[in-house]
């Protein structure tokens, strides 16, 4: 499974379908065979730009550039605000995952995560004439294939192409969550103390406890002091590396404190990682017998 759980190639398939819809490739099913003979030497994905060095068996070394239209700051602020208001999206994004349904949120805001039309992309290959259609340029087709394979591993590259990388998106989400939490705290009236009722409650409990009869003999309960061993025998557990690192912290985000929220979040992240490493080390350490000698047996 890949880092984002995208082992089924969903985002790669979406990328190829979009290229076909824009008329930039002939058929996703034949794309790899059409690109055969061109090998990617280097590929770099930047904000709104894909750059690649390609070696073609007939054309030689080619430099390819694909420019992708980015969304402006206002559009990104609109998207981040919409994401922060949807707990489903915010939780998955903060946990490092990119949900498939996120395209629907873009559409609801009249925006698009993937390029919407051929006018959103400009192509250039040093080995081909500028008038050559992308579907007739083998080096460009090889770049399409390579990027599709990268999206299987890291679909967040789509965000970078459209103007924001993963770090910026998550920082924006945390800022929105902190702002919303601060607004809620400011709008909530302070709770009125009810000291009289509380003190009366505890007095009543204390008085009841004072008059409760004490058991005559506790020795008859000694065997049951630690409970039954049967539930423990039926208990099964699994120890392993968490599938998503720091999932609890990522779901919560930084504390809603403007000055120290990020610093506390980073400190807690470091503590969580150290505790996880220490726990795994202890769990999988070699056991020792009664004489202190190490044994190779390990029961988990």
C-alpha atoms as a PDB file:
ATOM      1  CA  UNK A   1       0.000   0.000   0.000  1.00  0.00           C
ATOM      2  CA  UNK A   2       1.300   3.455  -0.781  1.00  0.00           C
ATOM      3  CA  UNK A   3       1.687   6.320   1.646  1.00  0.00           C
ATOM      4  CA  UNK A   4      -1.800   7.685   1.053  1.00  0.00           C
ATOM      5  CA  UNK A   5      -3.560   4.373   0.653  1.00  0.00           C
ATOM      6  CA  UNK A   6      -4.031   5.002  -3.091  1.00  0.00           C
ATOM      7  CA  UNK A   7      -3.009   1.476  -4.099  1.00  0.00           C
ATOM      8  CA  UNK A   8      -5.838   1.075  -6.620  1.00  0.00           C
ATOM      9  CA  UNK A   9      -4.629   3.780  -9.021  1.00  0.00           C
ATOM     10  CA  UNK A  10      -7.710   5.981  -8.612  1.00  0.00           C
ATOM     11  CA  UNK A  11      -5.969   9.342  -9.127  1.00  0.00           C
ATOM     12  CA  UNK A  12      -3.851   7.999 -11.962  1.00  0.00           C
ATOM     13  CA  UNK A  13      -7.014   6.868 -13.756  1.00  0.00           C
ATOM     14  CA  UNK A  14      -8.635  10.258 -13.134  1.00  0.00           C
ATOM     15  CA  UNK A  15      -5.582  11.996 -14.626  1.00  0.00           C
ATOM     16  CA  UNK A  16      -5.649   9.899 -17.804  1.00  0.00           C
ATOM     17  CA  UNK A  17      -9.400  10.302 -18.239  1.00  0.00           C
ATOM     18  CA  UNK A  18      -9.031  14.057 -17.925  1.00  0.00           C
ATOM     19  CA  UNK A  19      -6.263  14.091 -20.570  1.00  0.00           C
ATOM     20  CA  UNK A  20      -8.526  12.175 -22.945  1.00  0.00           C
ATOM     21  CA  UNK A  21     -11.455  14.511 -22.251  1.00  0.00           C
ATOM     22  CA  UNK A  22      -9.215  17.465 -23.133  1.00  0.00           C
ATOM     23  CA  UNK A  23      -8.109  15.787 -26.372  1.00  0.00           C
ATOM     24  CA  UNK A  24      -4.470  15.503 -25.291  1.00  0.00           C
ATOM     25  CA  UNK A  25      -4.234  11.713 -25.596  1.00  0.00           C
ATOM     26  CA  UNK A  26      -6.031   9.205 -27.807  1.00  0.00           C
ATOM     27  CA  UNK A  27      -6.858   6.401 -25.383  1.00  0.00           C
ATOM     28  CA  UNK A  28      -5.691   5.756 -21.796  1.00  0.00           C
ATOM     29  CA  UNK A  29      -5.575   2.017 -22.546  1.00  0.00           C
ATOM     30  CA  UNK A  30      -2.988   2.447 -25.308  1.00  0.00           C
ATOM     31  CA  UNK A  31      -1.059   5.370 -23.796  1.00  0.00           C
ATOM     32  CA  UNK A  32       1.803   3.304 -22.395  1.00  0.00           C
ATOM     33  CA  UNK A  33       2.380   1.474 -25.663  1.00  0.00           C
ATOM     34  CA  UNK A  34       2.315   4.770 -27.575  1.00  0.00           C
ATOM     35  CA  UNK A  35       4.932   6.212 -25.193  1.00  0.00           C
ATOM     36  CA  UNK A  36       7.190   3.151 -25.460  1.00  0.00           C
ATOM     37  CA  UNK A  37      10.599   4.135 -26.795  1.00  0.00           C
ATOM     38  CA  UNK A  38      10.826   7.302 -24.689  1.00  0.00           C
ATOM     39  CA  UNK A  39      12.458   6.983 -21.272  1.00  0.00           C
ATOM     40  CA  UNK A  40      12.187   9.542 -18.462  1.00  0.00           C
ATOM     41  CA  UNK A  41      15.612  10.611 -17.166  1.00  0.00           C
ATOM     42  CA  UNK A  42      14.374  13.251 -14.726  1.00  0.00           C
ATOM     43  CA  UNK A  43      10.929  14.498 -13.734  1.00  0.00           C
ATOM     44  CA  UNK A  44      10.117  17.418 -11.456  1.00  0.00           C
ATOM     45  CA  UNK A  45       6.690  18.683 -10.410  1.00  0.00           C
ATOM     46  CA  UNK A  46       6.557  22.322  -9.355  1.00  0.00           C
ATOM     47  CA  UNK A  47       3.794  24.827  -8.782  1.00  0.00           C
ATOM     48  CA  UNK A  48       1.966  24.953 -12.098  1.00  0.00           C
ATOM     49  CA  UNK A  49       4.836  23.282 -13.958  1.00  0.00           C
ATOM     50  CA  UNK A  50       6.042  19.802 -14.950  1.00  0.00           C
ATOM     51  CA  UNK A  51       9.636  19.613 -16.221  1.00  0.00           C
ATOM     52  CA  UNK A  52      11.236  16.450 -17.564  1.00  0.00           C
ATOM     53  CA  UNK A  53      14.324  15.238 -19.346  1.00  0.00           C
ATOM     54  CA  UNK A  54      13.404  12.455 -21.768  1.00  0.00           C
ATOM     55  CA  UNK A  55      15.575  10.209 -23.906  1.00  0.00           C
ATOM     56  CA  UNK A  56      13.769   9.076 -27.050  1.00  0.00           C
ATOM     57  CA  UNK A  57      15.126   6.170 -29.077  1.00  0.00           C
ATOM     58  CA  UNK A  58      14.728   8.131 -32.329  1.00  0.00           C
ATOM     59  CA  UNK A  59      14.746  11.807 -31.309  1.00  0.00           C
ATOM     60  CA  UNK A  60      17.525  11.650 -28.716  1.00  0.00           C
ATOM     61  CA  UNK A  61      17.532  13.778 -25.559  1.00  0.00           C
ATOM     62  CA  UNK A  62      14.475  16.025 -25.194  1.00  0.00           C
ATOM     63  CA  UNK A  63      13.467  18.641 -22.635  1.00  0.00           C
ATOM     64  CA  UNK A  64       9.718  18.714 -21.959  1.00  0.00           C
ATOM     65  CA  UNK A  65       7.696  21.363 -20.178  1.00  0.00           C
ATOM     66  CA  UNK A  66       4.017  21.248 -19.335  1.00  0.00           C
ATOM     67  CA  UNK A  67       2.528  24.348 -17.766  1.00  0.00           C
ATOM     68  CA  UNK A  68      -0.686  23.958 -15.773  1.00  0.00           C
ATOM     69  CA  UNK A  69      -2.947  26.895 -14.910  1.00  0.00           C
ATOM     70  CA  UNK A  70      -3.006  27.543 -11.155  1.00  0.00           C
ATOM     71  CA  UNK A  71      -5.905  28.730  -9.020  1.00  0.00           C
ATOM     72  CA  UNK A  72      -5.521  32.230  -7.602  1.00  0.00           C
ATOM     73  CA  UNK A  73      -5.222  33.078  -3.891  1.00  0.00           C
ATOM     74  CA  UNK A  74      -8.911  33.928  -3.577  1.00  0.00           C
ATOM     75  CA  UNK A  75      -9.947  30.578  -5.038  1.00  0.00           C
ATOM     76  CA  UNK A  76      -7.607  28.679  -2.710  1.00  0.00           C
ATOM     77  CA  UNK A  77      -8.900  30.555   0.310  1.00  0.00           C
ATOM     78  CA  UNK A  78     -12.398  29.635  -0.784  1.00  0.00           C
ATOM     79  CA  UNK A  79     -11.431  25.967  -1.079  1.00  0.00           C
ATOM     80  CA  UNK A  80      -9.600  25.826   2.260  1.00  0.00           C
ATOM     81  CA  UNK A  81     -12.547  27.461   4.012  1.00  0.00           C
ATOM     82  CA  UNK A  82     -14.923  24.926   2.449  1.00  0.00           C
ATOM     83  CA  UNK A  83     -12.638  22.053   3.450  1.00  0.00           C
ATOM     84  CA  UNK A  84     -12.420  23.256   7.048  1.00  0.00           C
ATOM     85  CA  UNK A  85     -16.207  23.296   7.337  1.00  0.00           C
ATOM     86  CA  UNK A  86     -16.482  19.649   6.255  1.00  0.00           C
ATOM     87  CA  UNK A  87     -15.324  17.370   9.068  1.00  0.00           C
ATOM     88  CA  UNK A  88     -15.030  14.420   6.662  1.00  0.00           C
ATOM     89  CA  UNK A  89     -12.534  16.181   4.404  1.00  0.00           C
ATOM     90  CA  UNK A  90     -10.656  17.987   7.183  1.00  0.00           C
ATOM     91  CA  UNK A  91     -10.085  14.799   9.178  1.00  0.00           C
ATOM     92  CA  UNK A  92      -8.802  12.813   6.199  1.00  0.00           C
ATOM     93  CA  UNK A  93      -6.572  15.606   4.926  1.00  0.00           C
ATOM     94  CA  UNK A  94      -5.062  16.228   8.366  1.00  0.00           C
ATOM     95  CA  UNK A  95      -4.450  12.483   8.592  1.00  0.00           C
ATOM     96  CA  UNK A  96      -2.441  12.661   5.356  1.00  0.00           C
ATOM     97  CA  UNK A  97      -5.050  11.136   3.048  1.00  0.00           C
ATOM     98  CA  UNK A  98      -6.594  12.623  -0.075  1.00  0.00           C
ATOM     99  CA  UNK A  99     -10.233  11.465  -0.326  1.00  0.00           C
ATOM    100  CA  UNK A 100     -11.629  10.717  -3.746  1.00  0.00           C
ATOM    101  CA  UNK A 101     -14.730  12.786  -3.011  1.00  0.00           C
ATOM    102  CA  UNK A 102     -12.691  15.983  -2.772  1.00  0.00           C
ATOM    103  CA  UNK A 103     -13.349  16.706  -6.449  1.00  0.00           C
ATOM    104  CA  UNK A 104     -17.030  17.105  -5.578  1.00  0.00           C
ATOM    105  CA  UNK A 105     -16.162  19.850  -3.112  1.00  0.00           C
ATOM    106  CA  UNK A 106     -14.183  21.693  -5.780  1.00  0.00           C
ATOM    107  CA  UNK A 107     -17.140  21.388  -8.136  1.00  0.00           C
ATOM    108  CA  UNK A 108     -19.515  22.710  -5.468  1.00  0.00           C
ATOM    109  CA  UNK A 109     -17.325  25.825  -5.328  1.00  0.00           C
ATOM    110  CA  UNK A 110     -17.366  26.119  -9.150  1.00  0.00           C
ATOM    111  CA  UNK A 111     -13.686  25.202  -9.279  1.00  0.00           C
ATOM    112  CA  UNK A 112     -11.680  22.198 -10.493  1.00  0.00           C
ATOM    113  CA  UNK A 113      -8.839  20.231  -8.936  1.00  0.00           C
ATOM    114  CA  UNK A 114      -7.777  18.691 -12.238  1.00  0.00           C
ATOM    115  CA  UNK A 115      -7.257  20.967 -15.281  1.00  0.00           C
ATOM    116  CA  UNK A 116     -10.676  21.728 -16.717  1.00  0.00           C
ATOM    117  CA  UNK A 117      -9.808  22.230 -20.411  1.00  0.00           C
ATOM    118  CA  UNK A 118      -6.912  22.071 -22.849  1.00  0.00           C
ATOM    119  CA  UNK A 119      -6.527  25.813 -22.374  1.00  0.00           C
ATOM    120  CA  UNK A 120      -5.368  25.093 -18.809  1.00  0.00           C
ATOM    121  CA  UNK A 121      -2.260  23.327 -20.121  1.00  0.00           C
ATOM    122  CA  UNK A 122       0.575  24.445 -22.401  1.00  0.00           C
ATOM    123  CA  UNK A 123       3.107  21.974 -23.828  1.00  0.00           C
ATOM    124  CA  UNK A 124       6.653  22.325 -25.048  1.00  0.00           C
ATOM    125  CA  UNK A 125       9.155  19.716 -26.265  1.00  0.00           C
ATOM    126  CA  UNK A 126      12.556  20.644 -27.671  1.00  0.00           C
ATOM    127  CA  UNK A 127      12.473  17.658 -30.051  1.00  0.00           C
ATOM    128  CA  UNK A 128       9.115  18.438 -31.613  1.00  0.00           C
ATOM    129  CA  UNK A 129       7.707  21.294 -33.617  1.00  0.00           C
ATOM    130  CA  UNK A 130       5.531  23.685 -31.592  1.00  0.00           C
ATOM    131  CA  UNK A 131       2.632  22.844 -33.888  1.00  0.00           C
ATOM    132  CA  UNK A 132       2.891  19.127 -33.073  1.00  0.00           C
ATOM    133  CA  UNK A 133      -0.157  17.913 -31.141  1.00  0.00           C
ATOM    134  CA  UNK A 134       0.688  16.459 -27.713  1.00  0.00           C
ATOM    135  CA  UNK A 135      -0.804  13.068 -28.649  1.00  0.00           C
ATOM    136  CA  UNK A 136       1.725  12.880 -31.503  1.00  0.00           C
ATOM    137  CA  UNK A 137       4.749  13.728 -29.324  1.00  0.00           C
ATOM    138  CA  UNK A 138       6.165  10.561 -27.787  1.00  0.00           C
ATOM    139  CA  UNK A 139       8.303  12.339 -25.134  1.00  0.00           C
ATOM    140  CA  UNK A 140       5.240  14.255 -23.893  1.00  0.00           C
ATOM    141  CA  UNK A 141       3.235  11.035 -23.763  1.00  0.00           C
ATOM    142  CA  UNK A 142       6.010   9.495 -21.650  1.00  0.00           C
ATOM    143  CA  UNK A 143       5.737  12.446 -19.245  1.00  0.00           C
ATOM    144  CA  UNK A 144       1.971  11.907 -18.986  1.00  0.00           C
ATOM    145  CA  UNK A 145       2.548   8.251 -18.101  1.00  0.00           C
ATOM    146  CA  UNK A 146       5.254   9.058 -15.546  1.00  0.00           C
ATOM    147  CA  UNK A 147       3.112  11.658 -13.816  1.00  0.00           C
ATOM    148  CA  UNK A 148       0.191   9.229 -13.663  1.00  0.00           C
ATOM    149  CA  UNK A 149       2.423   6.707 -11.904  1.00  0.00           C
ATOM    150  CA  UNK A 150       3.584   9.380  -9.466  1.00  0.00           C
ATOM    151  CA  UNK A 151      -0.029  10.204  -8.628  1.00  0.00           C
ATOM    152  CA  UNK A 152      -0.473   6.614  -7.504  1.00  0.00           C
ATOM    153  CA  UNK A 153       2.136   7.330  -4.844  1.00  0.00           C
ATOM    154  CA  UNK A 154       1.384  10.962  -4.079  1.00  0.00           C
ATOM    155  CA  UNK A 155      -1.937  12.403  -5.313  1.00  0.00           C
ATOM    156  CA  UNK A 156      -1.092  15.609  -3.422  1.00  0.00           C
ATOM    157  CA  UNK A 157       0.939  16.544  -6.508  1.00  0.00           C
ATOM    158  CA  UNK A 158      -2.366  17.616  -8.065  1.00  0.00           C
ATOM    159  CA  UNK A 159      -2.647  20.331  -5.437  1.00  0.00           C
ATOM    160  CA  UNK A 160       0.890  21.500  -6.171  1.00  0.00           C
ATOM    161  CA  UNK A 161       0.174  21.706  -9.878  1.00  0.00           C
ATOM    162  CA  UNK A 162      -2.860  23.874  -9.147  1.00  0.00           C
ATOM    163  CA  UNK A 163      -0.960  26.262  -6.877  1.00  0.00           C
ATOM    164  CA  UNK A 164      -0.714  24.883  -3.309  1.00  0.00           C
ATOM    165  CA  UNK A 165       1.435  22.107  -1.905  1.00  0.00           C
ATOM    166  CA  UNK A 166       0.548  19.750   0.912  1.00  0.00           C
ATOM    167  CA  UNK A 167       2.203  21.839   3.635  1.00  0.00           C
ATOM    168  CA  UNK A 168       0.318  24.968   2.593  1.00  0.00           C
ATOM    169  CA  UNK A 169      -3.028  23.154   2.487  1.00  0.00           C
ATOM    170  CA  UNK A 170      -2.609  21.631   5.946  1.00  0.00           C
ATOM    171  CA  UNK A 171      -1.356  24.902   7.427  1.00  0.00           C
ATOM    172  CA  UNK A 172      -4.380  26.689   5.973  1.00  0.00           C
ATOM    173  CA  UNK A 173      -6.730  24.069   7.399  1.00  0.00           C
ATOM    174  CA  UNK A 174      -5.203  24.352  10.861  1.00  0.00           C
ATOM    175  CA  UNK A 175      -5.417  28.126  10.725  1.00  0.00           C
ATOM    176  CA  UNK A 176      -9.092  27.953   9.756  1.00  0.00           C
ATOM    177  CA  UNK A 177      -9.799  25.463  12.548  1.00  0.00           C
ATOM    178  CA  UNK A 178      -7.984  27.629  15.090  1.00  0.00           C
ATOM    179  CA  UNK A 179      -9.877  30.721  13.944  1.00  0.00           C
ATOM    180  CA  UNK A 180     -13.206  28.886  14.123  1.00  0.00           C
ATOM    181  CA  UNK A 181     -12.424  27.507  17.574  1.00  0.00           C
ATOM    182  CA  UNK A 182     -11.427  30.975  18.795  1.00  0.00           C
ATOM    183  CA  UNK A 183     -14.678  32.438  17.453  1.00  0.00           C
ATOM    184  CA  UNK A 184     -16.720  29.796  19.229  1.00  0.00           C
ATOM    185  CA  UNK A 185     -14.927  30.434  22.514  1.00  0.00           C
ATOM    186  CA  UNK A 186     -15.478  34.183  22.192  1.00  0.00           C
ATOM    187  CA  UNK A 187     -19.170  33.750  21.340  1.00  0.00           C
ATOM    188  CA  UNK A 188     -19.895  31.316  24.181  1.00  0.00           C
ATOM    189  CA  UNK A 189     -21.000  32.994  27.443  1.00  0.00           C
ATOM    190  CA  UNK A 190     -18.912  32.046  30.481  1.00  0.00           C
ATOM    191  CA  UNK A 191     -20.438  29.274  32.534  1.00  0.00           C
ATOM    192  CA  UNK A 192     -22.027  30.506  35.782  1.00  0.00           C
ATOM    193  CA  UNK A 193     -20.593  28.780  38.863  1.00  0.00           C
ATOM    194  CA  UNK A 194     -22.988  26.726  40.955  1.00  0.00           C
ATOM    195  CA  UNK A 195     -20.893  26.350  44.079  1.00  0.00           C
ATOM    196  CA  UNK A 196     -23.814  25.954  46.468  1.00  0.00           C
ATOM    197  CA  UNK A 197     -25.307  23.024  44.598  1.00  0.00           C
ATOM    198  CA  UNK A 198     -21.909  21.404  44.095  1.00  0.00           C
ATOM    199  CA  UNK A 199     -20.894  21.648  47.736  1.00  0.00           C
ATOM    200  CA  UNK A 200     -24.299  20.321  48.848  1.00  0.00           C
ATOM    201  CA  UNK A 201     -23.933  17.397  46.447  1.00  0.00           C
ATOM    202  CA  UNK A 202     -20.554  16.392  47.852  1.00  0.00           C
ATOM    203  CA  UNK A 203     -21.782  16.782  51.427  1.00  0.00           C
ATOM    204  CA  UNK A 204     -24.657  14.439  50.697  1.00  0.00           C
ATOM    205  CA  UNK A 205     -22.331  11.857  49.186  1.00  0.00           C
ATOM    206  CA  UNK A 206     -19.914  12.129  52.113  1.00  0.00           C
ATOM    207  CA  UNK A 207     -22.675  11.702  54.675  1.00  0.00           C
ATOM    208  CA  UNK A 208     -24.022   8.638  52.879  1.00  0.00           C
ATOM    209  CA  UNK A 209     -20.569   7.104  52.817  1.00  0.00           C
ATOM    210  CA  UNK A 210     -20.064   7.731  56.529  1.00  0.00           C
ATOM    211  CA  UNK A 211     -23.217   5.757  57.393  1.00  0.00           C
ATOM    212  CA  UNK A 212     -22.561   2.875  54.982  1.00  0.00           C
ATOM    213  CA  UNK A 213     -21.983  -0.383  56.867  1.00  0.00           C
ATOM    214  CA  UNK A 214     -18.461  -1.806  56.612  1.00  0.00           C
ATOM    215  CA  UNK A 215     -18.065  -5.455  55.530  1.00  0.00           C
ATOM    216  CA  UNK A 216     -17.325  -7.867  58.391  1.00  0.00           C
ATOM    217  CA  UNK A 217     -14.667  -9.934  56.638  1.00  0.00           C
ATOM    218  CA  UNK A 218     -12.679  -9.210  53.448  1.00  0.00           C
ATOM    219  CA  UNK A 219     -10.715 -12.453  53.318  1.00  0.00           C
ATOM    220  CA  UNK A 220     -13.505 -14.189  51.411  1.00  0.00           C
ATOM    221  CA  UNK A 221     -12.999 -11.739  48.520  1.00  0.00           C
ATOM    222  CA  UNK A 222      -9.215 -12.076  48.281  1.00  0.00           C
ATOM    223  CA  UNK A 223      -9.309 -14.586  45.400  1.00  0.00           C
ATOM    224  CA  UNK A 224     -11.466 -12.228  43.361  1.00  0.00           C
ATOM    225  CA  UNK A 225      -9.457  -9.086  44.100  1.00  0.00           C
ATOM    226  CA  UNK A 226      -7.712  -9.040  40.693  1.00  0.00           C
ATOM    227  CA  UNK A 227     -10.777 -10.245  38.802  1.00  0.00           C
ATOM    228  CA  UNK A 228     -11.150 -13.325  36.618  1.00  0.00           C
ATOM    229  CA  UNK A 229      -8.327 -14.555  34.393  1.00  0.00           C
ATOM    230  CA  UNK A 230     -10.726 -15.840  31.731  1.00  0.00           C
ATOM    231  CA  UNK A 231     -11.319 -12.449  30.018  1.00  0.00           C
ATOM    232  CA  UNK A 232      -7.546 -11.986  29.827  1.00  0.00           C
ATOM    233  CA  UNK A 233      -7.105 -15.381  28.181  1.00  0.00           C
ATOM    234  CA  UNK A 234      -9.685 -14.443  25.546  1.00  0.00           C
ATOM    235  CA  UNK A 235      -8.066 -11.059  24.894  1.00  0.00           C
ATOM    236  CA  UNK A 236      -6.146 -10.797  21.594  1.00  0.00           C
ATOM    237  CA  UNK A 237      -4.068  -7.863  20.496  1.00  0.00           C
ATOM    238  CA  UNK A 238      -1.841  -6.790  17.650  1.00  0.00           C
ATOM    239  CA  UNK A 239       1.277  -4.645  17.910  1.00  0.00           C
ATOM    240  CA  UNK A 240       2.558  -2.827  14.872  1.00  0.00           C
ATOM    241  CA  UNK A 241       3.478   0.505  13.327  1.00  0.00           C
ATOM    242  CA  UNK A 242       0.412   2.803  13.076  1.00  0.00           C
ATOM    243  CA  UNK A 243      -0.890   2.851   9.479  1.00  0.00           C
ATOM    244  CA  UNK A 244      -1.144   6.668   9.683  1.00  0.00           C
ATOM    245  CA  UNK A 245       1.431   8.580  11.698  1.00  0.00           C
ATOM    246  CA  UNK A 246       0.147  10.958  14.401  1.00  0.00           C
ATOM    247  CA  UNK A 247      -3.461  10.396  13.355  1.00  0.00           C
ATOM    248  CA  UNK A 248      -4.932  11.797  16.608  1.00  0.00           C
ATOM    249  CA  UNK A 249      -2.847  14.973  16.469  1.00  0.00           C
ATOM    250  CA  UNK A 250      -3.545  15.492  12.792  1.00  0.00           C
ATOM    251  CA  UNK A 251      -7.262  15.209  13.345  1.00  0.00           C
ATOM    252  CA  UNK A 252      -7.174  17.754  16.186  1.00  0.00           C
ATOM    253  CA  UNK A 253      -4.636  20.150  14.691  1.00  0.00           C
ATOM    254  CA  UNK A 254      -2.758  22.806  16.686  1.00  0.00           C
ATOM    255  CA  UNK A 255      -4.286  24.290  19.809  1.00  0.00           C
ATOM    256  CA  UNK A 256      -6.529  27.309  19.078  1.00  0.00           C
ATOM    257  CA  UNK A 257      -3.902  29.670  20.521  1.00  0.00           C
ATOM    258  CA  UNK A 258      -2.442  32.099  18.018  1.00  0.00           C
ATOM    259  CA  UNK A 259       1.053  32.378  19.518  1.00  0.00           C
ATOM    260  CA  UNK A 260       1.871  28.911  20.812  1.00  0.00           C
ATOM    261  CA  UNK A 261      -0.447  26.540  18.944  1.00  0.00           C
ATOM    262  CA  UNK A 262       2.039  25.497  16.253  1.00  0.00           C
ATOM    263  CA  UNK A 263       4.925  25.225  18.733  1.00  0.00           C
ATOM    264  CA  UNK A 264       2.934  22.984  21.083  1.00  0.00           C
ATOM    265  CA  UNK A 265       1.741  20.886  18.135  1.00  0.00           C
ATOM    266  CA  UNK A 266       5.329  20.326  16.944  1.00  0.00           C
ATOM    267  CA  UNK A 267       6.457  19.438  20.478  1.00  0.00           C
ATOM    268  CA  UNK A 268       3.625  16.927  20.907  1.00  0.00           C
ATOM    269  CA  UNK A 269       4.412  15.418  17.500  1.00  0.00           C
ATOM    270  CA  UNK A 270       8.004  14.804  18.611  1.00  0.00           C
ATOM    271  CA  UNK A 271       6.833  13.259  21.899  1.00  0.00           C
ATOM    272  CA  UNK A 272       4.345  10.990  20.111  1.00  0.00           C
ATOM    273  CA  UNK A 273       7.037   9.748  17.718  1.00  0.00           C
ATOM    274  CA  UNK A 274       9.471   9.045  20.567  1.00  0.00           C
ATOM    275  CA  UNK A 275       6.818   7.195  22.563  1.00  0.00           C
ATOM    276  CA  UNK A 276       5.845   5.120  19.523  1.00  0.00           C
ATOM    277  CA  UNK A 277       9.483   4.166  18.857  1.00  0.00           C
ATOM    278  CA  UNK A 278      10.076   3.300  22.516  1.00  0.00           C
ATOM    279  CA  UNK A 279       6.869   1.235  22.723  1.00  0.00           C
ATOM    280  CA  UNK A 280       7.740  -0.765  19.595  1.00  0.00           C
ATOM    281  CA  UNK A 281      11.274  -1.341  20.901  1.00  0.00           C
ATOM    282  CA  UNK A 282       9.905  -2.686  24.172  1.00  0.00           C
ATOM    283  CA  UNK A 283       7.229  -4.792  22.470  1.00  0.00           C
ATOM    284  CA  UNK A 284       9.615  -6.549  20.111  1.00  0.00           C
ATOM    285  CA  UNK A 285      12.623  -6.801  22.419  1.00  0.00           C
ATOM    286  CA  UNK A 286      13.963 -10.272  23.077  1.00  0.00           C
ATOM    287  CA  UNK A 287      12.538 -11.819  26.234  1.00  0.00           C
ATOM    288  CA  UNK A 288      14.731 -13.037  29.101  1.00  0.00           C
ATOM    289  CA  UNK A 289      14.310 -16.220  31.111  1.00  0.00           C
ATOM    290  CA  UNK A 290      14.467 -16.426  34.924  1.00  0.00           C
ATOM    291  CA  UNK A 291      18.281 -16.637  34.924  1.00  0.00           C
ATOM    292  CA  UNK A 292      18.552 -13.421  32.944  1.00  0.00           C
ATOM    293  CA  UNK A 293      19.569 -15.155  29.703  1.00  0.00           C
ATOM    294  CA  UNK A 294      18.020 -13.891  26.505  1.00  0.00           C
ATOM    295  CA  UNK A 295      15.737 -16.160  24.514  1.00  0.00           C
ATOM    296  CA  UNK A 296      14.758 -15.992  20.860  1.00  0.00           C
ATOM    297  CA  UNK A 297      11.072 -16.629  21.559  1.00  0.00           C
ATOM    298  CA  UNK A 298       8.694 -13.733  21.163  1.00  0.00           C
ATOM    299  CA  UNK A 299       4.992 -13.884  21.893  1.00  0.00           C
ATOM    300  CA  UNK A 300       2.768 -11.072  20.640  1.00  0.00           C
END
